[in-house]
């Protein structure tokens, strides 16, 4: 009887552990770069940085590159390796635009990781090699206060972007949608997920030139939206803000739109410099 009870407790422990840690985070560092043909070492490192990370949950992968999350398509996942790809719209210093086809391969036997990039219409960059450390993310109830049904899934147009943030507009609803990988943004998002009465506000600042040293909160005319909804789309944190004349962000001809979000009560804020898409 003692043997059977022990087995039962062991099985229960495994089941509880499986439910508690449903996602894997891979933190990777490259120590070897192999440029292809004319690609310089500095060029391949600029497109494939030394440190990258991605999160895998079942058959979904979200890859973080330069502060932004990209959904990846799994091409292979067996006892030997995880192979995936994702696409990213890029622009070179000379203004050449392309779609970068990134490929990643994680080898399960030794935790080695390789990554390559191929811009459309140009020569492939080459390969980067390194190793990953794996940690396990405790699952959370992501349905709490998400109000997903309150955000329509269509008619959203990408109008502004920065290195970490995308801003979409829906003229029919007089609203904007924000997706960001910024750490401070994530804190504001988490607070609103835990308490839908959190006083989330925003500010917009137009400039023809970059603000040296970055923008400060006092520079913005802080506004309170008529409606705020937070949700998650996979691993992406989303805010829906409804306010009068949301379409005004399309009408200004200045190059940069600085966008700020704040937890007004806690004085927690983040700002980013966006350009038109």
Protein backbone atom coordinates (compact mmCIF):
# COMPACT_ATOMS: atom_id res chain seq x y z
CA UNK A 1 0.00 0.00 0.00
CA UNK A 2 2.83 2.37 0.82
CA UNK A 3 4.32 1.85 -2.66
CA UNK A 4 1.01 2.60 -4.37
CA UNK A 5 0.38 5.75 -2.34
CA UNK A 6 3.86 6.99 -3.12
CA UNK A 7 3.27 6.46 -6.83
CA UNK A 8 -0.04 8.33 -6.60
CA UNK A 9 1.60 11.28 -4.85
CA UNK A 10 4.36 11.33 -7.44
CA UNK A 11 1.86 11.40 -10.30
CA UNK A 12 -0.10 14.20 -8.62
CA UNK A 13 3.13 16.18 -8.19
CA UNK A 14 3.96 15.78 -11.89
CA UNK A 15 0.48 16.89 -12.92
CA UNK A 16 0.60 19.96 -10.67
CA UNK A 17 4.06 20.87 -11.93
CA UNK A 18 2.94 20.53 -15.54
CA UNK A 19 0.01 22.87 -15.00
CA UNK A 20 2.08 25.41 -13.08
CA UNK A 21 4.85 25.77 -15.65
CA UNK A 22 3.30 25.78 -19.09
CA UNK A 23 5.80 27.97 -21.00
CA UNK A 24 9.53 27.75 -21.65
CA UNK A 25 11.72 30.83 -22.00
CA UNK A 26 14.95 30.46 -23.98
CA UNK A 27 17.63 33.08 -23.27
CA UNK A 28 20.34 32.78 -25.90
CA UNK A 29 23.78 34.29 -26.46
CA UNK A 30 25.79 34.04 -29.67
CA UNK A 31 29.58 33.67 -29.51
CA UNK A 32 30.30 32.75 -33.15
CA UNK A 33 29.23 34.59 -36.31
CA UNK A 34 29.77 33.30 -39.85
CA UNK A 35 29.04 36.12 -42.35
CA UNK A 36 27.98 35.13 -45.83
CA UNK A 37 29.99 36.47 -48.80
CA UNK A 38 29.95 40.31 -48.83
CA UNK A 39 28.25 40.62 -45.44
CA UNK A 40 30.50 42.30 -42.89
CA UNK A 41 30.79 41.20 -39.28
CA UNK A 42 29.29 44.49 -38.06
CA UNK A 43 26.35 44.09 -40.45
CA UNK A 44 25.38 40.58 -39.39
CA UNK A 45 25.67 41.57 -35.72
CA UNK A 46 23.39 44.55 -36.29
CA UNK A 47 20.64 42.31 -37.72
CA UNK A 48 21.29 39.33 -35.39
CA UNK A 49 22.25 40.80 -31.99
CA UNK A 50 24.46 38.94 -29.54
CA UNK A 51 21.59 38.29 -27.11
CA UNK A 52 18.10 37.12 -28.11
CA UNK A 53 15.25 35.27 -26.43
CA UNK A 54 12.04 33.48 -27.27
CA UNK A 55 9.12 31.89 -25.44
CA UNK A 56 7.59 28.57 -26.42
CA UNK A 57 4.18 27.40 -25.30
CA UNK A 58 3.00 24.16 -26.88
CA UNK A 59 3.29 24.83 -30.64
CA UNK A 60 3.49 28.62 -30.38
CA UNK A 61 6.72 30.63 -30.32
CA UNK A 62 7.08 34.33 -29.66
CA UNK A 63 10.54 35.68 -30.52
CA UNK A 64 11.90 38.89 -28.97
CA UNK A 65 14.22 40.92 -31.18
CA UNK A 66 15.33 44.47 -30.29
CA UNK A 67 12.44 45.00 -27.88
CA UNK A 68 9.65 43.72 -30.11
CA UNK A 69 7.85 40.37 -30.10
CA UNK A 70 7.38 38.43 -33.34
CA UNK A 71 5.13 35.37 -33.75
CA UNK A 72 7.12 32.50 -35.23
CA UNK A 73 6.07 29.48 -37.25
CA UNK A 74 7.38 26.13 -36.00
CA UNK A 75 8.80 24.07 -38.87
CA UNK A 76 10.03 21.12 -36.81
CA UNK A 77 9.68 20.03 -33.20
CA UNK A 78 10.82 16.52 -32.33
CA UNK A 79 13.19 14.80 -29.93
CA UNK A 80 16.22 16.35 -31.68
CA UNK A 81 15.48 19.98 -32.44
CA UNK A 82 13.05 22.89 -32.60
CA UNK A 83 13.18 24.69 -35.93
CA UNK A 84 11.17 27.85 -36.64
CA UNK A 85 11.01 30.98 -38.74
CA UNK A 86 9.56 34.50 -38.53
CA UNK A 87 9.39 37.51 -40.83
CA UNK A 88 10.28 41.13 -40.08
CA UNK A 89 9.96 44.23 -42.27
CA UNK A 90 13.31 46.06 -42.21
CA UNK A 91 15.02 49.11 -43.68
CA UNK A 92 18.77 49.57 -44.11
CA UNK A 93 20.74 52.73 -43.31
CA UNK A 94 20.64 53.53 -47.03
CA UNK A 95 16.83 53.34 -47.09
CA UNK A 96 16.56 49.93 -48.77
CA UNK A 97 13.42 48.12 -47.62
CA UNK A 98 13.07 44.35 -47.40
CA UNK A 99 11.40 41.51 -45.51
CA UNK A 100 13.90 39.67 -43.36
CA UNK A 101 13.35 35.92 -43.21
CA UNK A 102 14.81 34.77 -39.89
CA UNK A 103 15.41 31.07 -39.20
CA UNK A 104 16.22 29.57 -35.80
CA UNK A 105 17.26 26.05 -34.80
CA UNK A 106 17.53 24.89 -31.18
CA UNK A 107 19.32 21.56 -30.61
CA UNK A 108 17.85 19.74 -27.63
CA UNK A 109 20.86 17.49 -26.99
CA UNK A 110 23.29 20.29 -26.10
CA UNK A 111 21.19 23.51 -25.97
CA UNK A 112 23.04 24.96 -28.97
CA UNK A 113 21.17 27.53 -31.03
CA UNK A 114 21.76 28.84 -34.54
CA UNK A 115 20.09 31.75 -36.29
CA UNK A 116 20.23 33.10 -39.82
CA UNK A 117 18.67 35.99 -41.70
CA UNK A 118 17.85 36.45 -45.40
CA UNK A 119 16.53 39.83 -46.61
CA UNK A 120 14.27 39.59 -49.66
CA UNK A 121 16.09 40.64 -52.83
CA UNK A 122 19.51 40.66 -51.16
CA UNK A 123 22.21 38.16 -50.20
CA UNK A 124 21.72 36.09 -47.05
CA UNK A 125 23.48 37.50 -43.98
CA UNK A 126 25.04 34.28 -42.74
CA UNK A 127 24.73 32.39 -39.46
CA UNK A 128 25.15 33.03 -35.75
CA UNK A 129 25.87 30.24 -33.26
CA UNK A 130 25.59 30.09 -29.50
CA UNK A 131 23.79 28.43 -26.60
CA UNK A 132 20.54 28.96 -24.72
CA UNK A 133 19.51 28.70 -21.10
CA UNK A 134 15.97 27.47 -20.48
CA UNK A 135 13.72 28.69 -17.69
CA UNK A 136 10.11 27.81 -16.99
CA UNK A 137 7.35 30.38 -16.75
CA UNK A 138 4.59 29.79 -14.24
CA UNK A 139 1.23 29.89 -15.95
CA UNK A 140 -1.17 32.69 -15.09
CA UNK A 141 -4.87 33.18 -15.61
CA UNK A 142 -4.62 35.48 -18.63
CA UNK A 143 -8.42 35.78 -18.88
CA UNK A 144 -8.68 37.97 -15.80
CA UNK A 145 -9.97 41.43 -16.70
CA UNK A 146 -9.01 41.03 -20.35
CA UNK A 147 -12.47 41.76 -21.73
CA UNK A 148 -11.35 40.29 -25.05
CA UNK A 149 -14.86 40.45 -26.51
CA UNK A 150 -14.80 44.24 -26.18
CA UNK A 151 -12.03 44.58 -28.80
CA UNK A 152 -13.03 43.96 -32.40
CA UNK A 153 -10.60 41.85 -34.40
CA UNK A 154 -10.99 43.64 -37.75
CA UNK A 155 -10.53 47.08 -39.34
CA UNK A 156 -7.31 47.84 -37.48
CA UNK A 157 -4.68 49.64 -39.57
CA UNK A 158 -1.03 49.97 -38.49
CA UNK A 159 -0.25 53.71 -38.65
CA UNK A 160 2.73 54.38 -36.33
CA UNK A 161 5.69 52.33 -35.09
CA UNK A 162 8.82 52.59 -32.97
CA UNK A 163 11.49 50.05 -32.05
CA UNK A 164 9.23 48.58 -29.35
CA UNK A 165 5.69 49.71 -30.11
CA UNK A 166 3.03 49.47 -32.83
CA UNK A 167 -0.02 51.76 -32.88
CA UNK A 168 -3.13 50.85 -34.86
CA UNK A 169 -6.26 52.87 -35.59
CA UNK A 170 -9.88 51.96 -36.16
CA UNK A 171 -11.78 54.97 -37.52
CA UNK A 172 -15.14 53.26 -37.16
CA UNK A 173 -14.65 53.04 -33.38
CA UNK A 174 -12.67 56.26 -32.86
CA UNK A 175 -10.03 54.26 -31.04
CA UNK A 176 -6.40 53.18 -31.16
CA UNK A 177 -4.76 49.86 -30.34
CA UNK A 178 -1.28 49.71 -28.79
CA UNK A 179 1.04 46.70 -28.79
CA UNK A 180 4.39 47.07 -27.08
CA UNK A 181 7.27 45.07 -25.61
CA UNK A 182 8.47 47.97 -23.45
CA UNK A 183 9.10 46.92 -19.85
CA UNK A 184 7.39 49.91 -18.26
CA UNK A 185 4.43 49.47 -20.60
CA UNK A 186 4.22 45.87 -19.38
CA UNK A 187 4.03 47.07 -15.77
CA UNK A 188 1.15 49.42 -16.59
CA UNK A 189 -0.56 46.63 -18.53
CA UNK A 190 -0.19 44.14 -15.66
CA UNK A 191 -1.61 46.62 -13.18
CA UNK A 192 -4.66 47.22 -15.39
CA UNK A 193 -5.11 43.46 -15.86
CA UNK A 194 -5.22 43.07 -12.08
CA UNK A 195 -7.43 46.12 -11.53
CA UNK A 196 -9.58 47.40 -14.41
CA UNK A 197 -10.15 50.67 -12.50
CA UNK A 198 -6.48 51.63 -12.87
CA UNK A 199 -6.27 55.24 -14.07
CA UNK A 200 -4.57 54.73 -17.44
CA UNK A 201 -3.97 57.92 -19.43
CA UNK A 202 -2.02 58.88 -22.55
CA UNK A 203 -0.31 61.82 -24.19
CA UNK A 204 0.74 62.74 -27.73
CA UNK A 205 3.54 65.12 -28.71
CA UNK A 206 4.41 66.06 -32.33
CA UNK A 207 7.93 67.07 -33.37
CA UNK A 208 9.82 67.59 -36.63
CA UNK A 209 13.12 66.69 -34.96
CA UNK A 210 14.19 64.22 -32.32
CA UNK A 211 14.14 65.47 -28.73
CA UNK A 212 17.68 65.29 -27.38
CA UNK A 213 17.72 63.10 -24.28
CA UNK A 214 14.18 61.86 -24.92
CA UNK A 215 10.83 63.33 -23.99
CA UNK A 216 9.70 64.07 -20.43
CA UNK A 217 6.24 63.61 -18.96
CA UNK A 218 5.67 67.33 -18.37
CA UNK A 219 5.95 67.95 -22.13
CA UNK A 220 2.70 66.09 -22.84
CA UNK A 221 -0.92 67.14 -22.62
CA UNK A 222 -2.13 64.12 -20.63
CA UNK A 223 -5.60 62.90 -21.62
CA UNK A 224 -8.00 60.41 -20.05
CA UNK A 225 -9.57 57.99 -22.57
CA UNK A 226 -13.33 57.47 -22.53
CA UNK A 227 -12.69 53.72 -22.53
CA UNK A 228 -9.69 51.53 -21.71
CA UNK A 229 -9.44 47.79 -22.31
CA UNK A 230 -6.35 45.61 -21.78
CA UNK A 231 -5.91 42.16 -23.24
CA UNK A 232 -3.32 39.66 -24.40
CA UNK A 233 -2.89 38.19 -27.88
CA UNK A 234 -0.61 35.21 -27.39
CA UNK A 235 2.39 36.76 -25.62
CA UNK A 236 1.60 40.28 -26.84
CA UNK A 237 0.21 42.81 -24.37
CA UNK A 238 -2.50 45.02 -25.89
CA UNK A 239 -4.23 48.24 -24.85
CA UNK A 240 -7.39 49.57 -26.49
CA UNK A 241 -7.95 53.31 -25.96
CA UNK A 242 -11.11 55.05 -27.06
CA UNK A 243 -11.15 58.86 -27.19
CA UNK A 244 -12.57 61.74 -29.20
CA UNK A 245 -10.89 62.47 -32.52
CA UNK A 246 -8.56 59.46 -32.50
CA UNK A 247 -8.15 60.01 -36.25
CA UNK A 248 -6.16 63.18 -35.48
CA UNK A 249 -3.00 61.06 -35.32
CA UNK A 250 -3.32 60.69 -39.11
CA UNK A 251 -3.61 64.41 -39.83
CA UNK A 252 -0.38 65.85 -38.47
CA UNK A 253 2.44 66.26 -41.00
CA UNK A 254 5.29 66.34 -38.47
CA UNK A 255 7.77 63.46 -38.72
CA UNK A 256 7.72 62.18 -35.14
CA UNK A 257 4.81 61.41 -32.88
CA UNK A 258 5.95 60.87 -29.30
CA UNK A 259 3.44 58.68 -27.50
CA UNK A 260 3.14 58.33 -23.72
CA UNK A 261 1.13 56.02 -21.49
CA UNK A 262 0.91 56.35 -17.73
CA UNK A 263 -0.60 54.80 -14.65
CA UNK A 264 -1.61 58.26 -13.49
CA UNK A 265 -2.16 57.31 -9.86
CA UNK A 266 1.22 55.59 -9.46
CA UNK A 267 3.04 58.07 -11.72
CA UNK A 268 4.42 55.15 -13.72
CA UNK A 269 4.90 56.04 -17.37
CA UNK A 270 6.63 55.16 -20.60
CA UNK A 271 7.10 57.11 -23.82
CA UNK A 272 8.26 56.16 -27.31
CA UNK A 273 9.09 58.00 -30.53
CA UNK A 274 7.05 56.72 -33.49
CA UNK A 275 7.17 57.29 -37.23
CA UNK A 276 4.47 56.87 -39.86
CA UNK A 277 4.03 53.45 -41.49
